[in-house]
Protein backbone atom coordinates (compact mmCIF):
# COMPACT_ATOMS: atom_id res chain seq x y z
CA MET A 1 124.60 87.25 90.63
CA PHE A 2 123.39 83.85 91.86
CA ASP A 3 125.20 82.35 94.85
CA PHE A 4 124.89 79.86 97.71
CA SER A 5 125.60 80.51 101.38
CA TYR A 6 126.50 76.86 102.05
CA PRO A 7 127.65 75.34 98.73
CA TRP A 8 129.23 72.42 100.58
CA ALA A 9 125.68 71.17 101.28
CA PHE A 10 125.59 69.72 97.75
CA VAL A 11 127.78 66.84 98.91
CA LEU A 12 124.57 65.48 100.43
CA LEU A 13 123.35 64.72 96.89
CA VAL A 14 125.41 61.53 96.87
CA LEU A 15 124.05 60.35 100.21
CA PRO A 16 121.24 58.17 98.73
CA PHE A 17 123.70 56.52 96.35
CA LEU A 18 126.15 55.83 99.16
CA LEU A 19 123.41 54.21 101.24
CA LYS A 20 122.33 52.11 98.29
CA THR A 21 125.90 51.03 97.57
CA LYS A 22 126.47 50.18 101.20
CA GLN A 23 123.42 47.95 101.19
CA LYS A 24 124.62 46.13 98.07
CA THR A 25 128.13 45.59 99.41
CA ALA A 26 127.09 44.44 102.87
CA GLY A 27 128.36 41.12 104.10
CA ALA A 28 126.51 37.78 104.13
CA SER A 29 123.08 37.74 105.64
CA LEU A 30 124.14 35.56 108.50
CA TYR A 31 126.20 38.41 109.84
CA LEU A 32 123.22 40.79 109.75
CA PRO A 33 120.52 41.01 112.38
CA PRO A 34 117.18 39.59 111.24
CA LEU A 35 115.60 43.04 110.93
CA ALA A 36 118.47 44.25 108.79
CA GLN A 37 118.03 41.23 106.49
CA VAL A 38 114.35 42.02 106.08
CA ALA A 39 115.15 45.66 105.34
CA ARG A 40 117.66 44.64 102.70
CA VAL A 41 115.19 42.32 101.01
CA GLN A 42 112.47 44.95 101.06
CA SER A 43 114.91 47.52 99.68
CA ALA A 44 115.74 45.23 96.80
CA GLN A 45 112.06 44.61 96.13
CA THR A 46 111.33 48.34 96.25
CA ALA A 47 114.10 49.12 93.78
CA SER A 48 112.65 46.65 91.34
CA THR A 49 109.04 47.71 91.68
CA VAL A 50 109.25 51.50 91.90
CA PRO A 51 108.93 52.91 88.38
CA LYS A 52 111.79 54.91 86.96
CA ARG A 53 109.73 58.06 86.74
CA ARG A 54 108.83 57.80 90.40
CA GLN A 55 112.47 57.36 91.29
CA LEU A 56 113.18 60.44 89.20
CA LEU A 57 110.54 62.37 91.14
CA PHE A 58 112.13 61.37 94.43
CA ALA A 59 115.50 62.44 93.05
CA VAL A 60 114.07 65.84 92.11
CA ILE A 61 112.60 66.27 95.60
CA TRP A 62 115.94 65.38 97.17
CA LEU A 63 117.75 67.80 94.85
CA LEU A 64 115.35 70.59 95.84
CA LEU A 65 115.80 69.90 99.54
CA VAL A 66 119.58 69.91 99.25
CA THR A 67 119.43 73.11 97.21
CA ALA A 68 117.34 74.72 99.93
CA ALA A 69 119.88 73.56 102.53
CA ALA A 70 122.60 75.30 100.52
CA ALA A 71 120.68 78.60 101.03
CA PRO A 72 120.55 80.04 97.52
CA LYS A 73 120.56 83.82 97.27
CA TRP A 74 120.60 86.56 94.69
CA LEU A 75 123.31 89.21 95.02
CA GLY A 76 122.40 92.63 93.67
CA GLU A 77 124.68 95.31 92.30
CA ALA A 78 127.44 96.49 94.64
CA VAL A 79 126.45 99.48 96.77
CA THR A 80 129.01 101.81 98.32
CA LEU A 81 128.42 103.14 101.83
CA PRO A 82 130.47 106.03 103.19
CA GLN A 83 132.28 105.35 106.40
CA GLN A 84 131.62 107.77 109.20
CA GLY A 85 134.52 110.22 109.25
CA ARG A 86 133.56 112.42 112.16
CA ASP A 87 130.71 114.28 113.80
CA MET A 88 130.89 117.91 112.74
CA MET A 89 128.66 120.67 114.09
CA LEU A 90 128.42 124.06 112.38
CA ALA A 91 127.55 126.97 114.67
CA VAL A 92 126.57 130.10 112.72
CA ASP A 93 126.14 133.56 114.24
CA LEU A 94 122.82 135.25 113.34
CA SER A 95 123.31 138.39 115.42
CA GLY A 96 122.42 141.81 114.01
CA SER A 97 126.01 142.64 113.05
CA MET A 98 126.02 139.78 110.51
CA ASN A 99 123.92 142.11 108.35
CA ILE A 100 126.83 144.49 107.74
CA ASN A 101 127.58 144.74 104.01
CA ASP A 102 131.37 144.74 104.24
CA MET A 103 132.04 141.76 101.95
CA VAL A 104 131.74 141.04 98.24
CA ILE A 105 130.39 138.09 96.24
CA GLU A 106 131.13 138.09 92.50
CA GLY A 107 131.60 141.86 92.44
CA GLN A 108 128.43 142.58 94.41
CA ALA A 109 128.32 143.89 97.97
CA ALA A 110 127.01 141.27 100.39
CA ASN A 111 126.45 140.98 104.08
CA ARG A 112 128.45 138.62 106.25
CA LEU A 113 125.73 135.98 106.55
CA ASP A 114 125.32 135.72 102.79
CA VAL A 115 129.06 135.20 102.37
CA VAL A 116 129.08 132.52 105.08
CA LYS A 117 126.19 130.72 103.36
CA PHE A 118 127.93 131.00 99.99
CA VAL A 119 131.13 129.36 101.21
CA LEU A 120 129.50 126.86 103.55
CA SER A 121 127.42 125.52 100.68
CA ASP A 122 130.44 123.99 98.94
CA PHE A 123 131.93 122.88 102.23
CA ILE A 124 128.77 120.99 103.22
CA GLN A 125 128.46 119.22 99.88
CA GLN A 126 132.04 118.02 100.07
CA ARG A 127 131.70 116.48 103.53
CA GLN A 128 130.50 113.10 102.30
CA GLY A 129 131.24 110.61 105.05
CA ASP A 130 130.87 113.12 107.88
CA ARG A 131 127.78 113.54 110.00
CA LEU A 132 126.84 117.22 110.04
CA GLY A 133 124.67 119.28 112.35
CA LEU A 134 123.67 122.95 112.40
CA VAL A 135 123.35 125.31 115.38
CA LEU A 136 122.15 128.89 114.95
CA PHE A 137 122.76 131.43 117.70
CA ALA A 138 122.11 135.06 118.58
CA ASP A 139 120.28 135.89 121.85
CA ALA A 140 120.15 132.14 122.42
CA ALA A 141 121.31 129.01 120.61
CA TYR A 142 119.04 126.62 118.74
CA GLN A 143 119.71 123.31 117.05
CA GLN A 144 118.46 123.68 113.50
CA THR A 145 119.40 120.16 112.40
CA PRO A 146 120.69 117.20 114.43
CA LEU A 147 123.81 115.34 113.41
CA THR A 148 122.94 113.62 110.15
CA PHE A 149 124.42 112.24 106.94
CA ASP A 150 121.69 114.12 105.06
CA ARG A 151 123.75 117.02 103.76
CA GLN A 152 120.89 118.32 101.63
CA THR A 153 118.77 118.96 104.73
CA VAL A 154 121.64 120.74 106.48
CA GLN A 155 122.12 122.90 103.39
CA GLN A 156 118.41 123.71 103.19
CA MET A 157 118.21 124.69 106.85
CA LEU A 158 121.22 126.95 106.45
CA ASP A 159 119.75 128.59 103.35
CA GLU A 160 116.51 129.27 105.25
CA ALA A 161 118.31 130.94 108.17
CA VAL A 162 117.53 134.66 108.37
CA LEU A 163 118.89 137.48 110.47
CA GLY A 164 116.79 138.32 113.50
CA LEU A 165 115.47 134.77 113.69
CA VAL A 166 116.86 134.27 117.19
CA GLY A 167 117.57 137.83 118.29
CA GLN A 168 120.24 140.50 117.79
CA ARG A 169 122.93 139.72 120.36
CA THR A 170 125.61 136.99 120.43
CA ALA A 171 125.46 133.94 122.73
CA ILE A 172 128.76 132.21 121.94
CA GLY A 173 128.79 130.28 125.21
CA GLU A 174 125.32 128.86 124.64
CA ALA A 175 126.22 127.81 121.10
CA ILE A 176 129.20 125.81 122.35
CA GLY A 177 127.23 124.36 125.26
CA LEU A 178 124.39 123.23 123.00
CA ALA A 179 126.79 121.67 120.49
CA VAL A 180 128.57 119.75 123.26
CA LYS A 181 125.23 118.54 124.62
CA ARG A 182 124.24 117.21 121.19
CA PHE A 183 127.64 115.57 120.71
CA ASN A 184 127.21 113.73 124.00
CA THR A 185 124.07 111.98 122.71
CA TYR A 186 126.16 110.14 120.10
CA GLU A 187 129.05 107.75 120.40
CA SER A 188 131.89 109.27 118.43
CA SER A 189 135.62 109.74 118.86
CA ASN A 190 135.89 112.58 116.32
CA LYS A 191 133.85 115.57 117.45
CA VAL A 192 134.46 118.85 115.63
CA LEU A 193 132.74 122.20 116.15
CA ILE A 194 133.19 124.99 113.62
CA LEU A 195 131.97 128.26 115.13
CA LEU A 196 131.56 131.37 112.99
CA SER A 197 131.02 134.72 114.68
CA ASP A 198 131.67 138.39 114.05
CA GLY A 199 131.41 139.73 117.58
CA ALA A 200 131.84 139.08 121.28
CA ASN A 201 129.74 137.14 123.74
CA THR A 202 126.93 139.47 124.84
CA ALA A 203 124.09 137.08 125.73
CA GLY A 204 123.26 133.61 126.98
CA ASN A 205 122.99 131.77 130.28
CA ILE A 206 126.40 130.14 130.01
CA GLN A 207 129.69 131.94 129.65
CA PRO A 208 132.09 130.92 126.85
CA ARG A 209 134.83 129.74 129.22
CA GLU A 210 132.35 127.60 131.13
CA ALA A 211 131.26 126.06 127.85
CA LEU A 212 134.93 125.60 126.98
CA GLU A 213 135.41 123.35 130.00
CA LEU A 214 132.44 121.26 128.89
CA ALA A 215 133.92 120.96 125.40
CA LYS A 216 137.31 119.88 126.75
CA ALA A 217 135.69 117.26 128.98
CA ALA A 218 133.68 115.89 126.03
CA GLY A 219 136.68 115.80 123.71
CA VAL A 220 135.25 118.35 121.28
CA LYS A 221 137.73 120.13 119.02
CA ILE A 222 136.71 123.70 118.23
CA TYR A 223 137.66 125.68 115.14
CA THR A 224 136.65 129.33 115.37
CA VAL A 225 136.27 131.75 112.47
CA GLY A 226 136.14 135.49 112.94
CA VAL A 227 134.06 136.98 110.13
CA GLY A 228 134.15 140.60 108.94
CA ALA A 229 136.28 143.07 107.05
CA GLU A 230 138.73 145.36 108.85
CA GLN A 231 138.18 148.32 106.58
CA MET A 232 135.01 149.77 105.22
CA VAL A 233 134.11 153.10 103.68
CA GLN A 234 131.18 154.69 105.50
CA GLN A 235 129.39 157.91 104.71
CA GLY A 236 129.57 160.37 107.60
CA ILE A 237 128.72 163.97 108.30
CA PHE A 238 132.06 165.12 106.88
CA GLY A 239 131.96 162.75 103.89
CA PRO A 240 133.28 159.21 103.34
CA GLN A 241 135.22 157.81 106.27
CA LEU A 242 137.31 154.65 106.60
CA VAL A 243 136.12 152.61 109.59
CA ASN A 244 136.76 149.17 111.06
CA PRO A 245 133.43 147.31 111.11
CA SER A 246 134.97 144.48 113.15
CA ASP A 247 135.76 146.47 116.27
CA ASP A 248 133.48 144.24 118.31
CA LEU A 249 135.14 140.98 117.23
CA ASP A 250 136.62 139.26 120.30
CA GLU A 251 139.60 137.56 118.70
CA VAL A 252 141.19 136.83 122.06
CA LEU A 253 138.20 134.73 123.13
CA LEU A 254 137.88 132.94 119.79
CA THR A 255 141.60 132.12 119.82
CA GLU A 256 141.39 130.75 123.37
CA LEU A 257 138.39 128.58 122.56
CA ALA A 258 140.23 127.05 119.61
CA THR A 259 143.71 126.51 121.05
CA ALA A 260 142.42 125.09 124.34
CA THR A 261 140.64 122.27 122.49
CA GLY A 262 143.32 121.50 119.90
CA GLY A 263 141.70 123.52 117.13
CA ARG A 264 142.65 126.77 115.41
CA TYR A 265 141.36 130.29 115.05
CA PHE A 266 140.95 131.75 111.56
CA ARG A 267 140.32 135.29 110.43
CA ALA A 268 138.01 135.75 107.44
CA ARG A 269 138.13 139.34 106.20
CA ASP A 270 136.71 138.59 102.77
CA LEU A 271 135.29 135.85 100.60
CA ASN A 272 138.67 134.55 99.44
CA GLU A 273 139.98 134.17 102.98
CA LEU A 274 136.84 132.35 104.05
CA GLN A 275 137.18 129.95 101.11
CA GLN A 276 140.82 129.30 101.97
CA ILE A 277 139.84 128.59 105.57
CA TYR A 278 137.45 125.84 104.54
CA GLN A 279 140.02 124.37 102.18
CA LEU A 280 142.43 124.28 105.10
CA LEU A 281 139.79 122.70 107.31
CA ASP A 282 139.47 119.92 104.73
CA GLN A 283 143.18 119.25 105.28
CA LEU A 284 143.08 119.53 109.06
CA GLU A 285 139.96 117.35 109.32
CA PRO A 286 140.19 115.11 106.24
CA ILE A 287 137.11 113.26 105.12
CA GLU A 288 137.21 109.51 105.70
CA ARG A 289 137.90 108.12 102.23
CA ASP A 290 137.66 104.40 103.06
CA GLN A 291 134.28 103.09 102.03
CA LEU A 292 132.28 99.96 102.62
CA ASN A 293 131.04 97.99 99.64
CA TYR A 294 128.24 95.53 100.03
CA ARG A 295 125.85 93.63 97.80
CA PRO A 296 122.19 93.57 98.80
CA GLN A 297 121.15 89.95 99.26
CA GLN A 298 117.79 88.37 98.59
CA SER A 299 117.24 84.88 99.93
CA LEU A 300 115.84 82.37 97.42
CA LEU A 301 115.70 79.47 99.87
CA HIS A 302 111.91 79.45 99.97
CA TRP A 303 111.60 78.63 96.25
CA PRO A 304 113.25 75.16 96.21
CA LEU A 305 111.89 74.39 99.66
CA ALA A 306 108.33 75.30 98.72
CA THR A 307 108.61 73.34 95.48
CA ALA A 308 109.84 70.25 97.29
CA LEU A 309 107.08 70.47 99.87
CA MET A 310 104.51 70.94 97.12
CA LEU A 311 105.69 67.81 95.33
CA ILE A 312 105.58 65.85 98.57
CA LEU A 313 102.09 67.17 99.24
CA LEU A 314 100.96 66.18 95.75
CA LEU A 315 102.25 62.67 96.34
CA ILE A 316 100.28 62.45 99.54
CA LEU A 317 97.13 63.88 98.00
CA ALA A 318 97.44 61.49 95.09
CA LYS A 319 97.38 58.67 97.68
CA LEU A 320 100.37 56.98 96.23
CA PRO A 321 100.79 53.49 97.75
CA TRP A 322 103.68 54.18 100.09
CA GLN A 323 103.02 51.08 102.14
CA GLN A 324 102.63 48.92 99.03
CA TRP A 325 106.03 50.05 97.79
CA ARG A 326 107.57 48.73 100.96
CA ARG A 327 105.66 45.47 100.60
CA GLY A 328 106.43 45.15 96.94
CA GLY A 329 102.76 45.80 95.98
CA SER A 330 101.35 47.19 92.78
CA ASP A 331 102.39 50.63 91.46
CA HIS A 332 100.07 53.47 90.67
CA ALA A 333 100.74 55.90 87.89
CA ILE A 334 101.44 59.48 88.82
């Protein structure tokens, strides 16, 4: 689409005609200063001696200059930009217990980490408009991806996460502390941390409740998810036995971390519960649906301006008799 930034500039097109009309309708010469009388006479002589085609050339140059002043531009197709909804950090437990095969994906036994990846995949792809980051933790916490709108990179980094990558224990406090530190490097009023763990804090240089105070001071809302089944058949000396593989899950701590920051604690015993949790999170932390539409603009001002300057330059190079026009001298053909 072709457009002008200052379309009102085209009113300048009539300026030469107004000046010419004003000269014609001026009062008697005795009321004009001597210099003005001379100028009027010379103007009349010029009008009669300048060829029509030369006048047309001057008109074209003036049109080009006015067009350049109007700032022509080309508007491309509309592009939609997502508004930033919130900054959301995902903290995923990679401790040794996440390898327990007490969950099922499509009828096949799967460990806890695989189930988390399976459900998080859809969740990440649906968070258009949110800036996502990924923290992995076990013996210590590491930022795998910074906060970014690039959901594909976050997904790839999560897919590449493997058990034992950062140890076997669980540093919940360090995971929260690192997430808060990364949040503080950005200006945002909506900071959300989703922490998934299947155990209790057993490692790290910062205790969970110390990290909780940091999160509260930074305005970070924490949602915690306790992962792991409560019943599992295990072969023992006396045959199959029913055990609770989530004995180590510290639900009291995870609940405190969530409620103290305005979030919630969820219990994910199987794949369906984990999927329902993320559907509920979509409702609790809705994605910003308002979007910005803009058209990429390309300035075309240089085309009429360059053309006008080129025509003026050609006139000069052709040594057209500017002074002779004013004196009513002979005309040269262009």
